[in-house]
N, C-alpha and C. Protein backbone atom coordinates (compact mmCIF):
# COMPACT_ATOMS: atom_id res chain seq x y z
N MET A 1 362.43 64.79 57.62
CA MET A 1 361.20 63.80 58.06
C MET A 1 360.21 63.96 56.95
N ALA A 2 359.84 62.86 56.34
CA ALA A 2 358.82 63.01 55.15
C ALA A 2 357.51 62.78 55.97
N MET A 3 356.42 63.58 55.36
CA MET A 3 355.25 63.53 55.92
C MET A 3 354.30 62.91 54.65
N SER A 4 353.42 62.05 55.26
CA SER A 4 352.56 61.23 54.44
C SER A 4 351.24 61.89 54.27
N VAL A 5 350.83 62.01 53.00
CA VAL A 5 349.63 62.57 52.77
C VAL A 5 348.57 61.42 52.20
N ALA A 6 347.49 61.19 52.71
CA ALA A 6 346.64 60.19 52.06
C ALA A 6 345.09 60.55 51.92
N SER A 7 344.52 60.10 51.20
CA SER A 7 343.01 60.41 50.90
C SER A 7 342.02 59.20 51.51
N SER A 8 341.27 59.65 52.44
CA SER A 8 340.32 58.59 52.98
C SER A 8 338.96 59.20 53.25
N THR A 9 337.91 58.39 53.39
CA THR A 9 336.53 58.94 53.71
C THR A 9 336.46 59.00 55.09
N PHE A 10 336.15 60.17 55.41
CA PHE A 10 335.65 60.48 56.76
C PHE A 10 334.47 61.30 57.06
N MET A 11 333.54 60.87 57.75
CA MET A 11 332.21 61.43 57.90
C MET A 11 331.35 61.46 56.69
N GLY A 12 331.70 60.51 55.89
CA GLY A 12 330.96 60.32 54.57
C GLY A 12 331.49 60.99 53.37
N ALA A 13 332.67 61.65 53.52
CA ALA A 13 333.45 62.37 52.51
C ALA A 13 334.74 62.04 52.38
N ALA A 14 335.24 62.08 51.04
CA ALA A 14 336.78 61.92 50.95
C ALA A 14 337.45 62.88 51.15
N VAL A 15 338.58 62.97 52.24
CA VAL A 15 339.33 64.10 52.69
C VAL A 15 340.81 63.75 52.62
N ALA A 16 341.49 64.64 52.06
CA ALA A 16 342.91 64.47 51.96
C ALA A 16 343.33 64.95 53.30
N HIS A 17 344.34 64.43 53.92
CA HIS A 17 344.82 64.80 55.23
C HIS A 17 346.25 64.39 55.57
N THR A 18 346.81 64.98 56.47
CA THR A 18 348.18 64.95 56.84
C THR A 18 348.25 63.96 58.33
N CYS A 19 349.08 62.82 58.35
CA CYS A 19 349.22 62.07 59.40
C CYS A 19 350.62 62.49 59.95
N ALA A 20 350.70 62.18 61.37
CA ALA A 20 351.88 62.65 61.83
C ALA A 20 352.45 61.39 62.90
N ILE A 21 353.51 61.72 63.67
CA ILE A 21 354.27 60.52 64.41
C ILE A 21 353.30 59.72 64.95
N ALA A 22 353.51 58.42 64.51
CA ALA A 22 352.39 57.28 65.04
C ALA A 22 353.24 55.94 64.96
N SER A 23 353.26 55.09 65.83
CA SER A 23 353.99 53.78 65.59
C SER A 23 352.79 52.82 65.40
N SER A 24 351.65 53.04 65.32
CA SER A 24 350.47 52.10 65.13
C SER A 24 349.72 52.59 63.95
N THR A 25 348.72 51.79 63.53
CA THR A 25 347.93 52.33 62.47
C THR A 25 347.17 53.43 62.51
N CYS A 26 347.10 54.42 61.74
CA CYS A 26 346.29 55.56 61.91
C CYS A 26 344.78 55.16 61.78
N SER A 27 344.06 55.69 62.84
CA SER A 27 342.59 55.06 62.87
C SER A 27 341.78 55.71 61.68
N HIS A 28 342.50 56.80 60.82
CA HIS A 28 341.39 57.61 60.00
C HIS A 28 341.84 57.11 58.61
N CYS A 29 343.13 56.83 58.50
CA CYS A 29 343.61 56.56 56.92
C CYS A 29 344.39 55.20 56.92
N ALA A 30 344.43 54.34 58.07
CA ALA A 30 344.90 53.07 58.02
C ALA A 30 346.45 53.00 57.53
N ARG A 31 347.18 54.26 57.82
CA ARG A 31 348.47 54.00 57.25
C ARG A 31 349.41 53.77 58.47
N ARG A 32 350.50 53.18 58.27
CA ARG A 32 351.52 52.79 59.48
C ARG A 32 352.74 53.57 59.31
N ASN A 33 353.32 53.84 60.58
CA ASN A 33 354.61 54.38 60.68
C ASN A 33 354.79 55.81 59.93
N VAL A 34 353.78 56.52 60.14
CA VAL A 34 353.86 57.92 59.46
C VAL A 34 354.59 58.78 60.39
N LYS A 35 354.97 60.00 59.90
CA LYS A 35 355.77 60.82 60.81
C LYS A 35 355.13 61.95 61.66
N VAL A 36 353.92 62.12 61.35
CA VAL A 36 353.17 63.11 62.27
C VAL A 36 351.68 62.68 62.54
N ARG A 37 351.43 63.13 63.59
CA ARG A 37 350.00 62.50 64.11
C ARG A 37 348.93 62.88 63.19
N CYS A 38 348.04 62.11 63.02
CA CYS A 38 346.95 62.26 62.04
C CYS A 38 345.94 63.35 62.66
N THR A 39 345.57 64.40 61.97
CA THR A 39 344.94 65.49 62.51
C THR A 39 343.39 65.56 62.04
N LEU A 40 342.94 64.46 61.23
CA LEU A 40 341.78 64.38 60.61
C LEU A 40 340.59 64.13 61.79
N GLY A 41 339.61 65.13 61.66
CA GLY A 41 338.56 65.08 62.60
C GLY A 41 338.66 65.51 63.86
N GLU A 42 339.99 66.26 64.14
CA GLU A 42 340.01 66.68 65.49
C GLU A 42 339.38 68.20 65.35
N LYS A 43 339.06 68.46 66.57
CA LYS A 43 338.44 69.94 66.81
C LYS A 43 339.49 70.73 67.47
N PRO A 44 339.50 71.96 67.17
CA PRO A 44 340.32 72.87 67.82
C PRO A 44 340.09 72.98 69.24
N ALA A 45 341.00 73.13 70.09
CA ALA A 45 340.69 73.32 71.62
C ALA A 45 339.98 74.65 71.79
N PRO A 46 338.89 74.57 72.52
CA PRO A 46 337.99 75.79 72.77
C PRO A 46 338.74 76.76 73.73
N PRO A 47 338.72 77.88 73.56
CA PRO A 47 339.25 79.13 74.44
C PRO A 47 339.00 78.84 75.74
N ALA A 48 339.92 79.13 76.67
CA ALA A 48 339.58 78.90 78.05
C ALA A 48 338.63 80.09 78.48
N PRO A 49 337.74 79.51 79.38
CA PRO A 49 336.57 80.48 79.81
C PRO A 49 337.20 81.58 80.54
N VAL A 50 336.51 82.62 80.69
CA VAL A 50 337.04 83.88 81.32
C VAL A 50 337.45 83.42 82.79
N SER A 51 336.52 82.69 83.46
CA SER A 51 336.73 82.50 84.84
C SER A 51 338.04 81.64 85.07
N ALA A 52 338.49 80.92 84.02
CA ALA A 52 339.79 80.25 84.11
C ALA A 52 341.06 81.13 83.93
N GLN A 53 340.83 82.35 83.42
CA GLN A 53 341.96 83.18 83.29
C GLN A 53 342.36 83.67 84.53
N PHE A 54 343.53 84.25 84.73
CA PHE A 54 343.88 84.86 86.19
C PHE A 54 343.03 86.11 86.24
N CYS A 55 342.42 86.13 87.57
CA CYS A 55 341.60 87.29 87.89
C CYS A 55 340.38 87.38 86.85
N ALA A 56 339.85 86.28 86.22
CA ALA A 56 338.90 86.52 85.34
C ALA A 56 339.23 87.38 84.21
N GLY A 57 340.48 87.60 83.73
CA GLY A 57 340.94 88.36 82.51
C GLY A 57 340.80 89.83 82.90
N LEU A 58 340.67 90.26 84.09
CA LEU A 58 340.47 91.70 84.49
C LEU A 58 342.11 92.28 84.43
N PRO A 59 342.18 93.63 84.11
CA PRO A 59 343.41 94.11 84.35
C PRO A 59 344.07 94.27 85.65
N GLY A 60 345.24 94.36 85.67
CA GLY A 60 345.96 94.46 87.01
C GLY A 60 347.27 93.71 87.06
N LYS A 61 347.61 92.88 86.12
CA LYS A 61 348.81 92.04 86.28
C LYS A 61 350.11 93.20 85.71
N SER A 62 351.17 93.16 86.33
CA SER A 62 352.31 93.84 86.08
C SER A 62 353.50 93.18 86.34
N ALA A 63 354.65 93.81 85.91
CA ALA A 63 355.92 93.14 86.29
C ALA A 63 356.22 93.44 87.68
N PRO A 64 356.96 92.54 88.24
CA PRO A 64 357.55 91.23 87.70
C PRO A 64 356.61 90.09 87.80
N PHE A 65 355.42 90.27 87.95
CA PHE A 65 354.38 89.30 88.26
C PHE A 65 353.47 89.27 87.00
N GLY A 66 354.07 88.71 85.73
CA GLY A 66 353.29 89.04 84.66
C GLY A 66 352.29 88.03 84.39
N ASP A 67 352.30 86.84 85.34
CA ASP A 67 351.25 85.81 85.25
C ASP A 67 350.30 86.07 86.20
N GLY A 68 350.29 87.07 87.05
CA GLY A 68 349.45 87.35 88.08
C GLY A 68 350.20 86.93 89.36
N PHE A 69 349.75 87.65 90.45
CA PHE A 69 350.17 87.48 91.92
C PHE A 69 349.09 87.14 92.89
N ASP A 70 349.17 85.96 93.32
CA ASP A 70 348.16 85.40 94.25
C ASP A 70 348.74 84.41 95.09
N PRO A 71 349.64 84.71 95.89
CA PRO A 71 350.26 83.75 96.78
C PRO A 71 349.45 83.01 97.83
N LEU A 72 348.47 83.67 98.17
CA LEU A 72 347.71 83.03 99.26
C LEU A 72 346.42 82.38 98.55
N ASN A 73 346.41 82.36 97.26
CA ASN A 73 345.35 81.65 96.59
C ASN A 73 343.96 82.22 96.94
N PHE A 74 343.74 83.39 96.88
CA PHE A 74 342.47 83.98 97.14
C PHE A 74 341.36 83.87 95.94
N LEU A 75 342.02 83.68 94.92
CA LEU A 75 341.23 83.40 93.65
C LEU A 75 340.86 82.02 93.56
N GLY A 76 341.54 81.01 94.25
CA GLY A 76 341.19 79.58 93.95
C GLY A 76 339.67 79.33 94.09
N GLY A 77 339.27 78.67 92.97
CA GLY A 77 337.79 78.20 93.11
C GLY A 77 336.77 79.18 93.03
N LYS A 78 337.12 80.58 92.81
CA LYS A 78 336.22 81.57 92.76
C LYS A 78 335.39 81.62 91.39
N THR A 79 334.28 82.01 91.40
CA THR A 79 333.52 82.30 90.04
C THR A 79 333.97 83.62 89.70
N THR A 80 333.49 83.89 88.22
CA THR A 80 333.78 85.08 87.82
C THR A 80 333.11 86.36 88.61
N ALA A 81 331.86 86.07 89.06
CA ALA A 81 331.11 86.92 89.95
C ALA A 81 331.80 87.30 91.33
N GLU A 82 332.35 86.29 91.83
CA GLU A 82 333.02 86.31 93.17
C GLU A 82 334.45 87.15 92.83
N ILE A 83 334.99 86.88 91.69
CA ILE A 83 336.21 87.69 91.25
C ILE A 83 336.04 89.14 91.17
N LYS A 84 334.98 89.49 90.61
CA LYS A 84 334.56 90.79 90.24
C LYS A 84 334.38 91.51 91.57
N MET A 85 333.75 90.75 92.51
CA MET A 85 333.46 91.38 93.86
C MET A 85 334.73 91.69 94.56
N LEU A 86 335.60 90.80 94.50
CA LEU A 86 336.96 91.04 95.15
C LEU A 86 337.69 92.24 94.53
N ARG A 87 337.60 92.39 93.19
CA ARG A 87 338.14 93.47 92.45
C ARG A 87 337.55 94.88 92.73
N GLU A 88 336.19 94.90 92.96
CA GLU A 88 335.51 96.07 93.38
C GLU A 88 335.83 96.49 94.75
N SER A 89 336.09 95.41 95.64
CA SER A 89 336.54 95.81 96.86
C SER A 89 337.99 96.24 96.68
N GLU A 90 338.86 95.71 96.08
CA GLU A 90 340.24 96.25 96.07
C GLU A 90 340.31 97.61 95.58
N LEU A 91 339.36 97.92 94.60
CA LEU A 91 339.37 99.45 93.84
C LEU A 91 338.96 100.35 94.91
N VAL A 92 337.82 100.02 95.58
CA VAL A 92 337.28 100.94 96.63
C VAL A 92 338.33 101.17 97.63
N HIS A 93 338.85 100.01 98.23
CA HIS A 93 339.99 100.46 99.40
C HIS A 93 341.18 101.08 98.59
N GLY A 94 341.63 100.78 97.51
CA GLY A 94 342.81 101.62 96.80
C GLY A 94 342.45 103.06 96.90
N ARG A 95 341.18 103.28 96.32
CA ARG A 95 340.90 104.71 96.00
C ARG A 95 340.90 105.55 97.51
N VAL A 96 340.28 104.98 98.46
CA VAL A 96 340.19 105.59 99.71
C VAL A 96 341.66 105.77 100.50
N ALA A 97 342.42 104.63 100.23
CA ALA A 97 343.74 104.75 100.68
C ALA A 97 344.52 105.72 100.01
N MET A 98 344.33 106.26 98.76
CA MET A 98 345.01 107.16 98.01
C MET A 98 344.59 108.52 98.57
N LEU A 99 343.24 108.65 98.97
CA LEU A 99 342.79 109.95 99.51
C LEU A 99 343.39 110.11 100.99
N ALA A 100 343.50 109.12 101.71
CA ALA A 100 343.81 109.01 103.10
C ALA A 100 345.31 109.26 103.20
N THR A 101 346.00 108.87 102.19
CA THR A 101 347.68 109.21 102.21
C THR A 101 347.76 110.62 101.95
N LEU A 102 347.08 111.22 101.05
CA LEU A 102 347.20 112.56 100.69
C LEU A 102 346.67 113.38 101.99
N GLY A 103 345.59 112.95 102.50
CA GLY A 103 344.89 113.67 103.62
C GLY A 103 345.86 113.75 104.77
N PHE A 104 346.60 112.52 105.10
CA PHE A 104 347.54 112.63 106.06
C PHE A 104 348.66 113.81 105.95
N VAL A 105 349.27 113.85 104.74
CA VAL A 105 350.15 114.71 104.41
C VAL A 105 349.65 116.11 104.48
N VAL A 106 348.58 116.44 103.82
CA VAL A 106 348.12 117.74 103.70
C VAL A 106 347.60 118.29 105.08
N GLY A 107 346.97 117.27 105.86
CA GLY A 107 346.21 117.79 107.10
C GLY A 107 347.38 118.12 108.27
N GLU A 108 348.49 117.43 108.07
CA GLU A 108 349.48 117.79 108.98
C GLU A 108 350.36 118.89 108.67
N THR A 109 350.31 119.41 107.51
CA THR A 109 351.26 120.53 107.00
C THR A 109 350.41 121.69 106.79
N PHE A 110 349.19 121.50 106.28
CA PHE A 110 348.44 122.68 105.94
C PHE A 110 347.10 122.48 106.40
N ASN A 111 346.51 123.22 107.56
CA ASN A 111 345.18 122.84 107.86
C ASN A 111 344.46 123.97 108.50
N PRO A 112 344.00 124.83 107.45
CA PRO A 112 343.45 126.03 107.92
C PRO A 112 341.91 125.93 108.52
N LEU A 113 341.55 124.79 108.50
CA LEU A 113 340.02 124.57 108.98
C LEU A 113 339.96 124.67 110.52
N PHE A 114 338.80 125.40 110.98
CA PHE A 114 338.53 125.68 112.21
C PHE A 114 339.45 126.49 112.86
N GLY A 115 340.08 127.39 112.12
CA GLY A 115 341.04 128.38 112.56
C GLY A 115 342.26 127.84 113.08
N GLY A 116 342.61 126.85 112.51
CA GLY A 116 343.95 126.09 112.57
C GLY A 116 344.07 125.34 113.95
N SER A 117 343.00 125.17 114.65
CA SER A 117 342.96 124.54 115.90
C SER A 117 343.24 123.05 115.80
N ILE A 118 343.19 122.38 114.69
CA ILE A 118 343.45 121.05 114.54
C ILE A 118 344.81 120.68 114.23
N THR A 119 345.53 120.20 115.06
CA THR A 119 346.83 120.05 115.12
C THR A 119 347.25 118.60 115.66
N GLY A 120 348.62 118.28 115.47
CA GLY A 120 349.20 117.01 115.95
C GLY A 120 349.03 115.92 114.94
N PRO A 121 349.38 114.65 115.20
CA PRO A 121 349.35 113.61 114.35
C PRO A 121 347.98 113.33 113.60
N ALA A 122 347.90 113.02 112.53
CA ALA A 122 346.63 112.90 111.73
C ALA A 122 345.63 111.66 112.28
N ILE A 123 346.37 110.74 113.08
CA ILE A 123 345.53 109.76 113.66
C ILE A 123 344.71 110.48 114.76
N ASN A 124 345.02 111.49 115.33
CA ASN A 124 344.41 112.05 116.52
C ASN A 124 343.51 113.26 116.13
N GLN A 125 343.64 113.64 114.79
CA GLN A 125 342.94 114.98 114.45
C GLN A 125 341.49 114.59 114.42
N PHE A 126 340.89 113.71 114.15
CA PHE A 126 339.49 113.55 114.05
C PHE A 126 338.72 113.72 115.24
N GLN A 127 339.46 113.47 116.48
CA GLN A 127 338.85 113.77 117.60
C GLN A 127 338.60 115.17 117.89
N GLN A 128 339.52 116.01 117.44
CA GLN A 128 339.37 117.49 117.55
C GLN A 128 338.44 118.13 116.91
N VAL A 129 337.76 117.45 115.76
CA VAL A 129 337.02 118.23 114.92
C VAL A 129 335.49 118.38 115.61
N PRO A 130 334.93 119.79 115.60
CA PRO A 130 333.72 119.83 116.32
C PRO A 130 332.51 119.28 115.47
N GLN A 131 331.52 118.99 116.19
CA GLN A 131 330.19 118.66 115.38
C GLN A 131 329.50 119.91 114.72
N PRO A 132 328.91 119.78 113.77
CA PRO A 132 328.39 118.49 113.08
C PRO A 132 329.30 118.01 111.93
N PHE A 133 330.58 118.37 111.83
CA PHE A 133 331.43 118.03 110.79
C PHE A 133 331.26 116.67 110.36
N TRP A 134 331.63 115.85 111.41
CA TRP A 134 331.64 114.31 110.98
C TRP A 134 330.31 113.72 110.52
N GLU A 135 329.17 114.36 111.08
CA GLU A 135 327.85 113.98 110.60
C GLU A 135 327.74 114.42 109.17
N LEU A 136 328.16 115.31 108.65
CA LEU A 136 328.28 115.82 107.30
C LEU A 136 329.05 114.92 106.43
N VAL A 137 330.20 114.38 107.04
CA VAL A 137 331.10 113.76 106.09
C VAL A 137 330.39 112.20 106.15
N VAL A 138 329.73 111.84 107.18
CA VAL A 138 329.17 110.53 107.07
C VAL A 138 328.03 110.44 106.07
N LEU A 139 327.49 111.61 105.90
CA LEU A 139 326.24 111.79 105.08
C LEU A 139 326.82 111.78 103.57
N ALA A 140 327.77 112.46 103.37
CA ALA A 140 328.47 112.54 102.05
C ALA A 140 328.86 111.10 101.74
N ILE A 141 329.39 110.40 102.59
CA ILE A 141 329.93 109.03 102.14
C ILE A 141 328.86 108.20 101.87
N GLY A 142 327.76 108.32 102.61
CA GLY A 142 326.49 107.58 102.40
C GLY A 142 325.94 107.72 100.92
N LEU A 143 325.97 109.00 100.53
CA LEU A 143 325.52 109.38 99.28
C LEU A 143 326.28 108.98 98.21
N ALA A 144 327.66 108.94 98.25
CA ALA A 144 328.41 108.35 97.45
C ALA A 144 328.33 106.78 97.36
N GLU A 145 328.41 106.09 98.43
CA GLU A 145 328.14 104.57 98.35
C GLU A 145 326.68 104.20 97.78
N GLY A 146 325.82 105.22 98.01
CA GLY A 146 324.40 104.88 97.40
C GLY A 146 324.48 104.89 95.88
N PHE A 147 325.16 106.07 95.40
CA PHE A 147 325.39 106.03 93.87
C PHE A 147 326.14 104.84 93.49
N ARG A 148 327.24 104.50 94.08
CA ARG A 148 328.01 103.24 93.53
C ARG A 148 327.19 102.00 93.61
N ILE A 149 326.50 101.77 94.69
CA ILE A 149 325.57 100.49 94.60
C ILE A 149 324.55 100.73 93.66
N ASN A 150 324.02 101.72 93.33
CA ASN A 150 322.99 101.83 92.39
C ASN A 150 323.46 101.78 91.04
N ARG A 151 324.78 102.10 90.80
CA ARG A 151 325.37 102.00 89.44
C ARG A 151 325.85 100.55 89.17
N GLY A 152 326.35 99.82 90.18
CA GLY A 152 326.99 98.56 89.84
C GLY A 152 326.40 97.36 90.51
N TRP A 153 325.54 97.41 91.47
CA TRP A 153 325.22 96.25 92.20
C TRP A 153 323.74 95.85 91.87
N GLY A 154 323.34 94.60 92.04
CA GLY A 154 321.93 94.03 91.76
C GLY A 154 320.95 94.75 92.80
N SER A 155 319.76 94.20 92.58
CA SER A 155 318.67 94.64 93.39
C SER A 155 318.80 94.53 94.95
N PRO A 156 318.03 95.18 95.75
CA PRO A 156 318.29 95.09 97.13
C PRO A 156 318.15 93.56 97.76
N ALA A 157 317.39 92.85 97.01
CA ALA A 157 317.03 91.59 97.46
C ALA A 157 318.26 90.72 97.13
N GLU A 158 318.95 90.85 96.03
CA GLU A 158 320.18 90.13 95.61
C GLU A 158 321.20 90.73 96.52
N ALA A 159 321.42 91.96 96.80
CA ALA A 159 322.52 92.34 97.72
C ALA A 159 322.44 91.90 98.93
N PHE A 160 321.08 91.60 99.54
CA PHE A 160 321.13 91.01 101.00
C PHE A 160 321.16 89.45 100.99
N PHE A 161 320.58 88.87 99.90
CA PHE A 161 320.26 87.37 100.27
C PHE A 161 321.34 86.63 99.06
N SER A 162 322.08 87.24 98.30
CA SER A 162 322.92 86.59 97.36
C SER A 162 324.26 86.92 97.44
N ILE A 163 324.94 87.44 98.44
CA ILE A 163 326.32 87.74 98.54
C ILE A 163 327.00 86.49 98.77
N PRO A 164 328.10 86.19 97.97
CA PRO A 164 328.81 87.21 97.03
C PRO A 164 328.12 87.08 95.58
N GLY A 165 328.49 87.89 94.71
CA GLY A 165 328.06 87.71 93.35
C GLY A 165 326.80 88.88 93.10
N VAL A 166 326.75 89.92 93.76
CA VAL A 166 325.56 90.85 93.67
C VAL A 166 325.89 91.90 92.60
N LEU A 167 327.00 91.90 92.03
CA LEU A 167 327.31 93.00 90.91
C LEU A 167 326.59 92.60 89.79
N LYS A 168 326.15 93.77 89.01
CA LYS A 168 325.37 93.62 87.78
C LYS A 168 326.47 92.89 86.86
N GLU A 169 325.85 91.96 85.87
CA GLU A 169 326.78 91.27 84.95
C GLU A 169 327.32 92.29 84.00
N SER A 170 326.50 93.31 83.66
CA SER A 170 327.11 94.27 82.76
C SER A 170 328.14 95.23 83.29
N TYR A 171 328.35 95.23 84.68
CA TYR A 171 329.02 96.28 85.44
C TYR A 171 330.50 95.81 85.48
N THR A 172 331.51 96.67 85.06
CA THR A 172 332.76 96.47 85.27
C THR A 172 333.32 97.06 86.54
N PRO A 173 333.90 96.35 87.40
CA PRO A 173 334.21 96.86 88.67
C PRO A 173 335.01 98.24 88.56
N GLY A 174 334.60 99.27 89.41
CA GLY A 174 335.17 100.50 89.51
C GLY A 174 334.79 101.52 88.48
N THR A 175 333.93 100.87 87.58
CA THR A 175 333.52 101.99 86.37
C THR A 175 332.26 102.57 86.71
N LEU A 176 332.39 103.91 87.38
CA LEU A 176 331.25 104.56 87.97
C LEU A 176 330.79 105.62 86.97
N GLY A 177 331.46 105.98 85.77
CA GLY A 177 330.99 106.90 85.01
C GLY A 177 331.47 108.44 85.36
N TYR A 178 332.43 108.46 86.24
CA TYR A 178 332.86 109.44 86.86
C TYR A 178 334.10 109.89 86.39
N ASP A 179 334.20 111.03 85.37
CA ASP A 179 335.43 111.27 84.71
C ASP A 179 335.35 112.88 84.28
N PRO A 180 335.43 113.78 85.23
CA PRO A 180 335.24 115.20 84.94
C PRO A 180 336.30 115.84 84.08
N LEU A 181 337.64 115.19 84.25
CA LEU A 181 338.65 115.62 83.26
C LEU A 181 338.69 114.97 81.94
N GLY A 182 337.90 114.14 81.81
CA GLY A 182 338.02 113.44 80.38
C GLY A 182 339.26 112.53 80.20
N LEU A 183 339.74 111.86 81.28
CA LEU A 183 341.00 111.31 81.20
C LEU A 183 340.87 109.82 80.76
N LYS A 184 339.61 109.22 80.68
CA LYS A 184 339.42 107.89 80.29
C LYS A 184 339.65 107.54 78.86
N PRO A 185 340.68 106.50 78.52
CA PRO A 185 340.91 106.31 77.13
C PRO A 185 339.85 105.67 76.44
N THR A 186 339.73 105.92 75.11
CA THR A 186 338.49 105.06 74.45
C THR A 186 339.14 103.87 73.87
N ASN A 187 340.46 103.66 73.76
CA ASN A 187 341.02 102.48 73.22
C ASN A 187 341.09 101.50 74.42
N SER A 188 340.76 100.15 74.26
CA SER A 188 340.79 99.09 75.28
C SER A 188 342.05 98.84 75.90
N LYS A 189 343.01 98.76 74.79
CA LYS A 189 344.38 98.53 75.56
C LYS A 189 344.85 99.54 76.29
N GLU A 190 344.58 100.75 76.04
CA GLU A 190 345.08 101.98 76.79
C GLU A 190 344.29 102.07 78.21
N LEU A 191 342.95 101.73 78.02
CA LEU A 191 342.05 101.61 79.25
C LEU A 191 342.51 100.60 80.25
N ASP A 192 342.99 99.38 79.71
CA ASP A 192 343.51 98.34 80.72
C ASP A 192 344.75 98.84 81.32
N GLU A 193 345.74 99.56 80.39
CA GLU A 193 346.90 100.09 81.15
C GLU A 193 346.58 101.03 82.10
N MET A 194 345.70 101.87 81.96
CA MET A 194 345.35 103.02 83.02
C MET A 194 344.76 102.31 84.21
N ALA A 195 343.74 101.29 84.02
CA ALA A 195 343.19 100.60 85.10
C ALA A 195 344.37 99.80 86.10
N THR A 196 345.28 99.33 85.11
CA THR A 196 346.36 98.84 86.00
C THR A 196 347.24 99.78 86.77
N LYS A 197 347.37 100.86 86.15
CA LYS A 197 348.16 101.84 86.81
C LYS A 197 347.33 102.32 88.18
N GLU A 198 346.10 102.60 88.01
CA GLU A 198 345.26 102.83 89.16
C GLU A 198 345.38 101.87 90.21
N LEU A 199 345.15 100.60 89.86
CA LEU A 199 345.23 99.50 90.84
C LEU A 199 346.70 99.39 91.67
N ASN A 200 347.77 99.68 90.86
CA ASN A 200 349.15 99.73 91.54
C ASN A 200 349.30 100.79 92.45
N ASN A 201 348.85 101.95 91.99
CA ASN A 201 348.91 103.16 92.94
C ASN A 201 347.90 102.95 94.17
N GLY A 202 346.88 102.37 93.94
CA GLY A 202 346.14 102.11 95.14
C GLY A 202 346.61 101.03 96.08
N ARG A 203 347.20 99.97 95.49
CA ARG A 203 347.93 98.99 96.36
C ARG A 203 349.06 99.55 97.11
N LEU A 204 349.97 100.47 96.42
CA LEU A 204 350.97 101.11 97.21
C LEU A 204 350.34 102.03 98.25
N ALA A 205 349.27 102.76 97.82
CA ALA A 205 348.70 103.53 98.96
C ALA A 205 348.09 102.85 100.25
N MET A 206 347.57 101.62 99.84
CA MET A 206 347.08 100.74 101.11
C MET A 206 348.19 100.48 101.93
N ILE A 207 349.55 100.07 101.26
CA ILE A 207 350.60 99.78 102.18
C ILE A 207 351.13 100.99 102.76
N GLY A 208 351.08 102.03 102.17
CA GLY A 208 351.64 103.30 102.67
C GLY A 208 350.98 103.92 103.87
N ILE A 209 349.45 103.98 103.72
CA ILE A 209 348.67 104.49 104.78
C ILE A 209 348.69 103.54 105.93
N ALA A 210 348.75 102.28 105.87
CA ALA A 210 349.05 101.34 106.98
C ALA A 210 350.38 101.51 107.63
N GLY A 211 351.42 101.96 106.95
CA GLY A 211 352.86 102.25 107.52
C GLY A 211 352.88 103.63 108.30
N MET A 212 351.95 104.60 107.77
CA MET A 212 351.97 105.73 108.51
C MET A 212 351.06 105.73 109.59
N VAL A 213 349.89 104.91 109.75
CA VAL A 213 349.12 104.84 110.91
C VAL A 213 349.93 103.99 111.96
N VAL A 214 350.58 103.12 111.57
CA VAL A 214 351.51 102.27 112.59
C VAL A 214 352.49 103.18 113.07
N GLN A 215 353.35 104.01 112.16
CA GLN A 215 354.40 104.93 112.68
C GLN A 215 353.94 106.01 113.65
N GLU A 216 352.72 106.50 113.32
CA GLU A 216 352.24 107.52 114.30
C GLU A 216 351.62 107.00 115.67
N LEU A 217 351.27 105.79 115.54
CA LEU A 217 350.63 105.14 116.71
C LEU A 217 351.69 104.82 117.74
N ILE A 218 352.99 104.46 117.23
CA ILE A 218 354.34 104.16 118.03
C ILE A 218 354.88 105.36 118.44
N THR A 219 355.01 106.41 117.66
CA THR A 219 355.79 107.68 117.90
C THR A 219 354.84 108.78 118.46
N GLN A 220 353.55 108.83 118.08
CA GLN A 220 352.71 109.94 118.66
C GLN A 220 353.05 111.34 117.97
N THR A 221 353.95 111.24 116.97
CA THR A 221 354.33 112.51 116.28
C THR A 221 353.94 112.46 114.85
N PRO A 222 353.76 113.62 114.22
CA PRO A 222 353.54 113.75 112.84
C PRO A 222 354.37 113.17 111.82
N ILE A 223 353.97 112.59 110.46
CA ILE A 223 354.94 111.87 109.75
C ILE A 223 356.06 112.85 109.40
N PHE A 224 355.96 114.19 109.12
CA PHE A 224 357.20 114.94 108.95
C PHE A 224 357.97 115.52 110.06
N GLY A 225 357.35 115.43 111.13
CA GLY A 225 358.11 115.68 112.35
C GLY A 225 358.84 114.72 112.95
N GLN A 226 359.06 113.58 112.34
CA GLN A 226 359.95 112.48 112.93
C GLN A 226 361.33 112.61 112.31
């Protein structure tokens, strides 16, 4: 297929350009029946905005759902700020679920606290803990949540009156600056891979802890005692 090159005046300047498939007269060079569409004067398509990418371009996609997994369309119509809020929530729940899953297994097989008096299924163990243990746990949770909010959320006024979208624009969901073992990669690609691994482990843990709770509610026996 022969391509036709012509010289024409466009925007006040003589420009050599290539025309493409067209059955009518090219609007720029007045040539007819050329083989490829004339590209003179065309602007390249702008990159898709971040909010138009799956999950605002945040890490978390993995096989076999390389294009993203959202069957219930939770992300449909969401702004970038709202998507970041959902990701922050997913990360927090995933991290808690990983700790809870580990706690179930350890608490039912090795529990030296309070003289070994805490026994039975993990779902019933918190009722056996004497005061003020739970008050101290609640205080520790409050301090941790206060640190997280201060790190990534907006001012109190925004937090109470502008939900959703109260995360700071500069804040990346889940990035609290806590890395005592120095495991955080400095390479952006490796960091995305690690973030995806954490998300997948958290997702699995959320499903796992839900299954453990339901199983113990039905059987009323520890996980490893079934």
